Protein backbone atom coordinates (compact mmCIF):
# COMPACT_ATOMS: atom_id res chain seq x y z
CA MET A 1 -11.77 170.56 311.33
CA ASN A 2 -9.41 173.56 311.25
CA THR A 3 -10.07 176.86 309.54
CA LYS A 4 -8.10 176.04 306.37
CA ASP A 5 -9.94 172.73 305.89
CA LYS A 6 -13.32 174.39 306.47
CA ASP A 7 -12.42 177.10 303.97
CA SER A 8 -11.41 174.51 301.41
CA GLN A 9 -14.58 172.49 301.91
CA TYR A 10 -17.21 175.20 302.21
CA ILE A 11 -16.02 178.42 300.53
CA MET A 12 -15.96 178.82 296.75
CA HIS A 13 -12.36 178.86 295.55
CA THR A 14 -12.42 182.33 294.04
CA TYR A 15 -9.16 183.41 295.71
CA GLY A 16 -5.67 181.96 295.61
CA ARG A 17 -4.85 182.30 299.31
CA TYR A 18 -1.50 182.59 301.00
CA ASP A 19 -1.02 179.74 303.49
CA VAL A 20 -1.71 181.93 306.51
CA GLU A 21 -4.67 182.29 308.88
CA LEU A 22 -4.76 185.77 310.36
CA VAL A 23 -6.48 185.95 313.75
CA ARG A 24 -5.75 189.45 315.06
CA GLY A 25 -4.06 192.72 314.19
CA GLU A 26 -2.59 195.73 315.90
CA GLY A 27 -1.27 198.78 314.07
CA VAL A 28 0.73 197.67 311.04
CA TYR A 29 1.16 194.13 312.35
CA ALA A 30 -0.99 191.03 311.97
CA TYR A 31 -0.69 187.71 313.82
CA ASP A 32 -1.56 184.18 312.74
CA GLU A 33 -3.07 181.35 314.76
CA ASN A 34 0.38 180.34 315.99
CA GLY A 35 1.26 183.83 317.17
CA LYS A 36 3.64 184.56 314.28
CA LYS A 37 3.96 188.29 313.60
CA TYR A 38 3.67 189.84 310.12
CA LEU A 39 4.34 193.38 308.97
CA ASP A 40 1.47 194.22 306.62
CA VAL A 41 2.26 196.56 303.71
CA SER A 42 -0.85 195.48 301.80
CA SER A 43 -3.52 196.89 304.17
CA GLY A 44 -6.12 194.43 302.94
CA ILE A 45 -5.48 195.78 299.41
CA GLY A 46 -5.43 199.40 300.49
CA VAL A 47 -8.34 199.23 302.94
CA ASN A 48 -6.86 199.38 306.45
CA ILE A 49 -5.30 202.79 305.91
CA LEU A 50 -4.98 203.43 309.64
CA GLY A 51 -3.75 199.90 310.24
CA TYR A 52 -5.43 197.26 312.36
CA CYS A 53 -7.73 198.20 315.24
CA HIS A 54 -6.78 201.87 315.46
CA PRO A 55 -8.13 202.88 318.90
CA GLY A 56 -10.04 205.99 317.82
CA TYR A 57 -11.51 204.19 314.82
CA THR A 58 -12.68 201.16 316.79
CA GLU A 59 -14.17 203.44 319.45
CA ALA A 60 -16.17 205.39 316.84
CA VAL A 61 -17.44 202.19 315.22
CA ALA A 62 -18.29 200.50 318.53
CA LYS A 63 -20.15 203.58 319.77
CA GLN A 64 -22.34 203.61 316.65
CA LEU A 65 -22.80 199.83 316.77
CA ASN A 66 -24.19 200.20 320.27
CA THR A 67 -26.52 203.01 319.17
CA ILE A 68 -28.16 201.76 315.96
CA GLN A 69 -26.54 199.30 313.58
CA HIS A 70 -28.74 199.63 310.48
CA MET A 71 -31.72 201.46 309.12
CA SER A 72 -33.33 201.49 305.72
CA ASN A 73 -32.66 204.35 303.33
CA TYR A 74 -36.25 205.50 303.78
CA PHE A 75 -35.06 207.26 306.94
CA TYR A 76 -32.52 209.98 307.58
CA CYS A 77 -29.16 208.85 308.99
CA LYS A 78 -26.91 211.34 310.78
CA PRO A 79 -23.57 209.48 310.26
CA ALA A 80 -24.31 209.27 306.51
CA ALA A 81 -25.33 212.93 306.28
CA ASP A 82 -22.21 213.96 308.20
CA LEU A 83 -20.02 211.85 305.91
CA ALA A 84 -21.63 213.28 302.77
CA GLU A 85 -21.09 216.81 304.09
CA LYS A 86 -17.41 216.09 304.78
CA LEU A 87 -16.83 214.55 301.36
CA CYS A 88 -18.46 217.48 299.57
CA SER A 89 -16.73 220.07 301.76
CA LEU A 90 -13.32 218.53 301.14
CA THR A 91 -13.80 218.15 297.36
CA PRO A 92 -15.36 220.12 294.46
CA PHE A 93 -18.40 217.83 294.42
CA SER A 94 -22.00 218.52 295.38
CA ARG A 95 -23.74 215.17 295.90
CA VAL A 96 -22.86 211.66 297.08
CA CYS A 97 -24.48 208.29 296.53
CA PHE A 98 -23.33 205.62 298.99
CA GLY A 99 -22.89 201.92 298.28
CA ASN A 100 -20.83 199.05 299.61
CA SER A 101 -17.81 198.65 297.34
CA GLY A 102 -15.76 200.14 294.55
CA ALA A 103 -17.61 198.08 291.98
CA GLU A 104 -20.94 199.43 293.24
CA ALA A 105 -19.59 202.98 293.14
CA ASN A 106 -18.51 202.46 289.53
CA GLU A 107 -21.89 200.93 288.63
CA CYS A 108 -23.49 204.09 290.03
CA ALA A 109 -21.14 206.30 288.01
CA ILE A 110 -21.94 204.39 284.82
CA LYS A 111 -25.68 204.70 285.43
CA LEU A 112 -25.29 208.39 286.26
CA ALA A 113 -23.40 209.06 283.01
CA ARG A 114 -25.87 207.15 280.87
CA LYS A 115 -28.90 208.79 282.44
CA TYR A 116 -27.38 212.25 282.08
CA SER A 117 -26.94 211.66 278.35
CA PHE A 118 -30.35 209.98 278.05
CA ASP A 119 -32.06 212.96 279.63
CA LYS A 120 -30.19 215.47 277.47
CA TYR A 121 -29.58 213.66 274.17
CA GLY A 122 -31.80 210.57 274.04
CA ASN A 123 -31.16 206.86 274.41
CA ASP A 124 -28.52 206.43 271.68
CA ARG A 125 -25.78 208.31 273.56
CA ASN A 126 -24.64 205.61 275.98
CA GLU A 127 -21.11 204.44 275.13
CA ILE A 128 -18.17 204.79 277.52
CA ILE A 129 -14.47 204.92 276.73
CA THR A 130 -12.12 203.21 279.16
CA LEU A 131 -8.36 202.62 279.17
CA GLN A 132 -6.38 199.48 278.47
CA ASN A 133 -4.95 197.94 281.68
CA SER A 134 -7.70 199.55 283.75
CA PHE A 135 -9.63 197.76 286.48
CA HIS A 136 -13.08 198.87 287.60
CA GLY A 137 -14.64 195.90 289.41
CA ARG A 138 -15.95 192.37 289.11
CA THR A 139 -19.65 192.76 288.38
CA VAL A 140 -20.61 191.93 284.81
CA THR A 141 -20.81 195.63 283.90
CA THR A 142 -17.63 196.75 285.67
CA LEU A 143 -15.77 193.79 284.16
CA SER A 144 -16.93 195.13 280.81
CA ALA A 145 -15.52 198.53 281.76
CA THR A 146 -12.21 196.92 282.74
CA GLY A 147 -9.69 197.24 279.92
CA GLN A 148 -7.97 193.87 280.32
CA ASP A 149 -8.77 190.94 278.03
CA VAL A 150 -8.08 188.41 280.78
CA PHE A 151 -11.28 189.55 282.52
CA HIS A 152 -13.45 189.32 279.40
CA ASN A 153 -14.18 185.63 279.54
CA TYR A 154 -16.66 183.06 280.90
CA PHE A 155 -19.53 185.38 281.84
CA PHE A 156 -21.04 186.13 278.43
CA PRO A 157 -22.87 188.18 277.41
CA PHE A 158 -21.02 191.12 278.89
CA THR A 159 -22.63 194.54 279.13
CA GLU A 160 -22.34 196.40 275.84
CA GLY A 161 -21.22 199.97 275.31
CA PHE A 162 -17.53 200.05 276.24
CA SER A 163 -14.46 200.68 274.11
CA TYR A 164 -10.80 200.54 275.14
CA VAL A 165 -7.92 202.81 274.20
CA PRO A 166 -4.25 202.94 275.27
CA ALA A 167 -3.43 205.16 278.23
CA ASN A 168 -1.62 208.43 277.50
CA ASP A 169 -2.69 208.35 273.83
CA LEU A 170 -4.99 211.32 273.28
CA ASP A 171 -5.31 210.71 269.53
CA ALA A 172 -6.62 207.19 270.16
CA LEU A 173 -9.20 208.52 272.60
CA ARG A 174 -10.31 211.24 270.20
CA LEU A 175 -10.68 208.68 267.40
CA SER A 176 -12.67 206.34 269.64
CA ALA A 177 -15.14 209.04 270.65
CA ASN A 178 -18.24 209.59 268.55
CA ASP A 179 -21.75 210.99 268.84
CA LYS A 180 -22.72 207.98 270.99
CA THR A 181 -20.04 208.58 273.61
CA CYS A 182 -21.38 209.72 276.99
CA ALA A 183 -18.37 209.29 279.27
CA VAL A 184 -14.70 208.47 279.75
CA ILE A 185 -13.66 206.51 282.85
CA MET A 186 -10.05 206.25 284.00
CA GLU A 187 -7.78 205.76 287.01
CA CYS A 188 -5.05 208.35 287.52
CA VAL A 189 -2.88 205.45 288.69
CA GLN A 190 -3.80 202.03 287.34
CA GLY A 191 -3.34 199.90 290.44
CA GLU A 192 -4.32 196.39 289.35
CA GLY A 193 -3.00 197.17 285.88
CA GLY A 194 0.58 197.54 287.13
CA VAL A 195 0.80 200.81 289.11
CA ASN A 196 0.83 202.83 285.88
CA ILE A 197 0.80 206.57 286.58
CA LEU A 198 -0.95 208.62 283.89
CA ASP A 199 0.81 211.63 282.35
CA LYS A 200 -0.36 214.98 283.69
CA ASP A 201 -0.66 216.62 280.27
CA TYR A 202 -2.70 213.68 278.99
CA VAL A 203 -5.21 213.84 281.85
CA LYS A 204 -5.60 217.60 281.39
CA ALA A 205 -6.13 217.15 277.66
CA VAL A 206 -8.78 214.47 278.26
CA ARG A 207 -10.54 216.83 280.67
CA ASP A 208 -10.55 219.58 278.01
CA PHE A 209 -11.77 217.20 275.32
CA CYS A 210 -14.61 215.91 277.51
CA THR A 211 -15.66 219.47 278.35
CA GLU A 212 -15.68 220.41 274.67
CA LYS A 213 -17.88 217.44 273.73
CA ASP A 214 -20.08 217.40 276.87
CA ILE A 215 -18.72 213.95 277.67
CA LEU A 216 -18.57 213.18 281.38
CA LEU A 217 -15.13 212.47 282.86
CA ILE A 218 -15.27 209.80 285.58
CA ILE A 219 -12.16 209.27 287.69
CA ASP A 220 -12.05 205.92 289.48
CA GLU A 221 -10.44 206.68 292.86
CA VAL A 222 -11.29 203.35 294.48
CA GLN A 223 -7.63 202.54 295.16
CA THR A 224 -6.02 205.97 294.73
CA GLY A 225 -8.42 207.87 296.97
CA VAL A 226 -8.58 208.85 300.64
CA ALA A 227 -5.00 210.20 300.94
CA ARG A 228 -3.29 207.15 299.40
CA THR A 229 -1.30 209.28 296.94
CA GLY A 230 -0.56 212.22 299.25
CA LYS A 231 -3.64 214.13 298.13
CA LEU A 232 -7.11 213.37 299.42
CA TYR A 233 -7.93 212.27 295.85
CA ALA A 234 -5.41 211.60 293.10
CA PHE A 235 -7.07 213.88 290.52
CA GLU A 236 -5.79 216.80 292.61
CA HIS A 237 -2.25 216.03 291.38
CA TYR A 238 -3.43 216.77 287.83
CA GLY A 239 -5.01 220.19 288.25
CA ILE A 240 -8.44 219.10 287.00
CA VAL A 241 -11.95 218.61 288.34
CA PRO A 242 -13.73 215.49 287.03
CA ASP A 243 -17.50 215.36 286.66
CA VAL A 244 -17.66 212.21 288.78
CA ILE A 245 -15.33 210.31 291.09
CA THR A 246 -15.77 206.95 292.75
CA THR A 247 -14.22 206.07 296.10
CA ALA A 248 -14.16 203.01 298.35
CA LYS A 249 -11.42 200.84 299.97
CA GLY A 250 -9.67 203.12 302.49
CA LEU A 251 -12.72 205.31 303.06
CA GLY A 252 -14.26 202.73 305.37
CA GLY A 253 -11.02 202.03 307.22
CA GLY A 254 -11.79 198.30 307.15
CA LEU A 255 -15.56 198.22 306.76
CA PRO A 256 -17.29 197.97 303.35
CA ILE A 257 -18.26 201.24 301.72
CA GLY A 258 -18.34 202.79 298.28
CA ALA A 259 -19.37 206.26 297.15
CA CYS A 260 -20.02 208.03 293.89
CA LEU A 261 -19.54 211.83 293.98
CA CYS A 262 -20.73 214.22 291.29
CA THR A 263 -20.54 217.92 290.47
CA GLU A 264 -23.37 220.43 290.71
CA LYS A 265 -24.61 219.93 287.16
CA LEU A 266 -25.28 216.24 287.85
CA LYS A 267 -26.77 216.53 291.31
CA ASP A 268 -30.37 215.81 290.25
CA VAL A 269 -29.76 213.20 287.53
CA LEU A 270 -30.48 210.19 289.74
CA SER A 271 -33.96 210.50 291.22
CA PRO A 272 -35.86 208.16 293.59
CA SER A 273 -35.97 204.55 292.31
CA THR A 274 -33.30 205.07 289.65
CA HIS A 275 -30.63 203.67 291.98
CA GLY A 276 -30.32 202.18 295.43
CA THR A 277 -28.75 199.55 297.65
CA THR A 278 -29.92 198.02 300.91
CA PHE A 279 -26.74 198.55 302.93
CA GLY A 280 -25.60 201.85 301.44
CA SER A 281 -25.32 204.61 304.10
CA ASN A 282 -25.02 202.02 306.86
CA PRO A 283 -24.53 204.07 310.06
CA VAL A 284 -21.77 201.89 311.54
CA VAL A 285 -19.71 202.00 308.36
CA CYS A 286 -20.31 205.73 307.98
CA ALA A 287 -19.20 206.33 311.58
CA GLY A 288 -15.89 204.64 310.76
CA ALA A 289 -15.54 206.61 307.53
CA ASN A 290 -16.18 209.87 309.36
CA TYR A 291 -13.32 209.09 311.72
CA VAL A 292 -11.02 208.15 308.83
CA LEU A 293 -11.70 211.40 306.96
CA ASP A 294 -11.13 213.48 310.08
CA ILE A 295 -7.63 212.00 310.33
CA VAL A 296 -6.43 211.69 306.75
CA SER A 297 -7.76 214.98 305.37
CA LYS A 298 -5.47 217.11 307.53
CA PRO A 299 -2.79 218.86 305.44
CA GLU A 300 0.00 217.70 307.73
CA PHE A 301 -1.13 214.08 307.40
CA LEU A 302 -1.23 214.34 303.61
CA GLN A 303 2.26 215.81 303.57
CA GLU A 304 3.51 212.93 305.71
CA VAL A 305 2.11 210.46 303.18
CA THR A 306 4.01 212.25 300.41
CA ASP A 307 7.20 212.33 302.44
CA LYS A 308 6.97 208.68 303.44
CA GLY A 309 6.30 207.71 299.84
CA GLU A 310 9.54 209.39 298.75
CA TYR A 311 11.40 207.88 301.70
CA LEU A 312 10.19 204.37 300.80
CA LYS A 313 11.00 204.84 297.12
CA ASN A 314 14.56 205.92 297.90
CA LYS A 315 15.08 202.96 300.24
CA LEU A 316 13.72 200.48 297.71
CA GLN A 317 15.84 201.83 294.86
CA SER A 318 19.00 200.89 296.77
CA VAL A 319 17.98 197.22 297.10
CA ASN A 320 19.76 194.71 294.87
CA GLY A 321 17.30 192.92 292.60
CA ILE A 322 14.94 195.87 292.22
CA LYS A 323 14.98 197.35 288.73
CA SER A 324 12.72 200.35 289.28
CA VAL A 325 10.14 201.80 291.64
CA ARG A 326 7.11 203.85 290.67
CA ASN A 327 4.89 205.51 293.20
CA LEU A 328 2.50 208.29 293.97
CA GLY A 329 2.52 208.76 297.72
CA LEU A 330 2.19 205.36 299.38
CA MET A 331 0.87 203.61 296.28
CA VAL A 332 4.00 201.76 295.24
CA GLY A 333 4.91 199.38 292.40
CA ILE A 334 8.23 197.52 292.46
CA GLU A 335 9.68 196.20 289.18
CA LEU A 336 12.09 193.32 289.72
CA GLU A 337 15.25 192.67 287.71
CA LYS A 338 14.25 189.01 287.47
CA GLY A 339 12.13 186.41 289.17
CA ASP A 340 8.41 185.76 289.54
CA ALA A 341 6.74 188.47 291.64
CA HIS A 342 4.03 186.10 292.86
CA LYS A 343 6.52 183.51 294.13
CA ILE A 344 8.61 186.24 295.75
CA ALA A 345 5.48 187.63 297.44
CA GLU A 346 4.77 184.16 298.84
CA LYS A 347 8.32 183.97 300.17
CA CYS A 348 7.95 187.44 301.71
CA VAL A 349 4.91 186.16 303.59
CA GLU A 350 6.96 183.24 304.91
CA ASN A 351 9.51 185.81 306.10
CA GLY A 352 6.89 187.90 307.86
CA LEU A 353 5.97 190.54 305.27
CA LEU A 354 2.45 190.70 303.84
CA ILE A 355 2.84 192.11 300.33
CA ILE A 356 0.78 191.83 297.14
CA THR A 357 1.37 191.97 293.39
CA ALA A 358 0.14 193.83 290.33
CA LYS A 359 0.81 191.92 287.12
CA SER A 360 4.61 191.35 287.14
CA LEU A 361 5.28 193.86 289.94
CA LEU A 362 5.36 193.65 293.70
CA ARG A 363 2.95 196.18 295.16
CA MET A 364 2.90 198.01 298.48
CA LEU A 365 -0.19 199.79 299.86
CA PRO A 366 0.87 200.18 303.50
CA PRO A 367 -1.21 201.81 306.23
CA LEU A 368 -0.80 205.56 305.80
CA ASN A 369 0.23 206.00 309.44
CA ILE A 370 3.14 203.57 309.10
CA THR A 371 6.40 204.96 310.51
CA CYS A 372 9.72 205.30 308.69
CA ALA A 373 11.19 202.74 311.09
CA GLN A 374 8.48 200.27 310.07
CA LEU A 375 9.14 201.03 306.40
CA ASP A 376 12.82 200.23 307.06
CA GLU A 377 11.70 196.93 308.57
CA ALA A 378 9.61 196.13 305.50
CA VAL A 379 12.46 196.93 303.12
CA ALA A 380 14.85 194.78 305.17
CA ILE A 381 12.51 191.77 304.94
CA LEU A 382 12.07 192.31 301.21
CA GLU A 383 15.83 192.62 300.71
CA LYS A 384 16.40 189.37 302.66
CA THR A 385 13.76 187.62 300.57
CA LEU A 386 15.24 188.78 297.27
CA LYS A 387 18.67 187.49 298.33
CA GLU A 388 17.11 184.12 299.03
CA CYS A 389 15.12 183.96 295.79
CA LEU A 390 17.34 185.57 293.15
């Protein structure tokens, strides 16, 4: 029985797969079981930010794997401590809680916000405002936090305590807030919601409003973080400091990690037994994340991401069939003049380009070390595909 048949027979069908079996990768390229080569501008949905099998990354991971692969959180772990120090040194935050995914990081942030308000105001101050078209994860609670009706089905009862307001509408947020509100959670760029970039003045105004009301501002940086937008974290584009950020995806460079970071005033809110996860702080994953941060946090690397984002946007805007392009760094949404983005993405895969979608848009989240020549190659394949489809 081949891999596709085994998958169909034994794995729950929770994903609509492309008809490709990937068996190895190198740099920005992946290869299937027949040796066909694909240029990957999806990065495993923004995870492989240094591409496939980056030599320094794999060396760091292998070295740790051959030293100690796991320990319980009852013991101190140097790779985790080093990673926490780097994250706090590179950002305005004071403490980190490690998990295994973006959803786990957001669960931690939600618990942190609710406990902060419980400790200070009592148990009635527990509601969280989130934005329409947001996406915060697939657990029952993070689905509740997600501001898309399509996700609010099947799994009743959902976790209570969330309300949803339109993005960039400060009056709606103010009206939604009340004496039970403990936090606002938002993405600076709504990735799954359609690569929607929030207005700078709006984000600043929300920060001011939250400060005034002692409401925590949580910025979900699961997809936007770790240099994806040309800053280490996207909130830096907006001139604010959130109370909490969540990060995952690219941080692990291909291994599962999530982290919730908080400011000084929240550093002692979560105490022993109030939160935890078996595999959080895993030394192998943290070794990989340490290597990733050492590379992507350099100012010259961040500037290259910004420059390549503008380069890619300009190239895409000249392609027939593309209506508009919106991006922040190398987080790119492509609006088509016509056609079904999902079918076009499938055709791109047939033509050797691994690309994903976000609602009605094509979406690119390429490895951050992709070259301009490789971006040209990606645009050429996309242009060929659009000519065939439109």
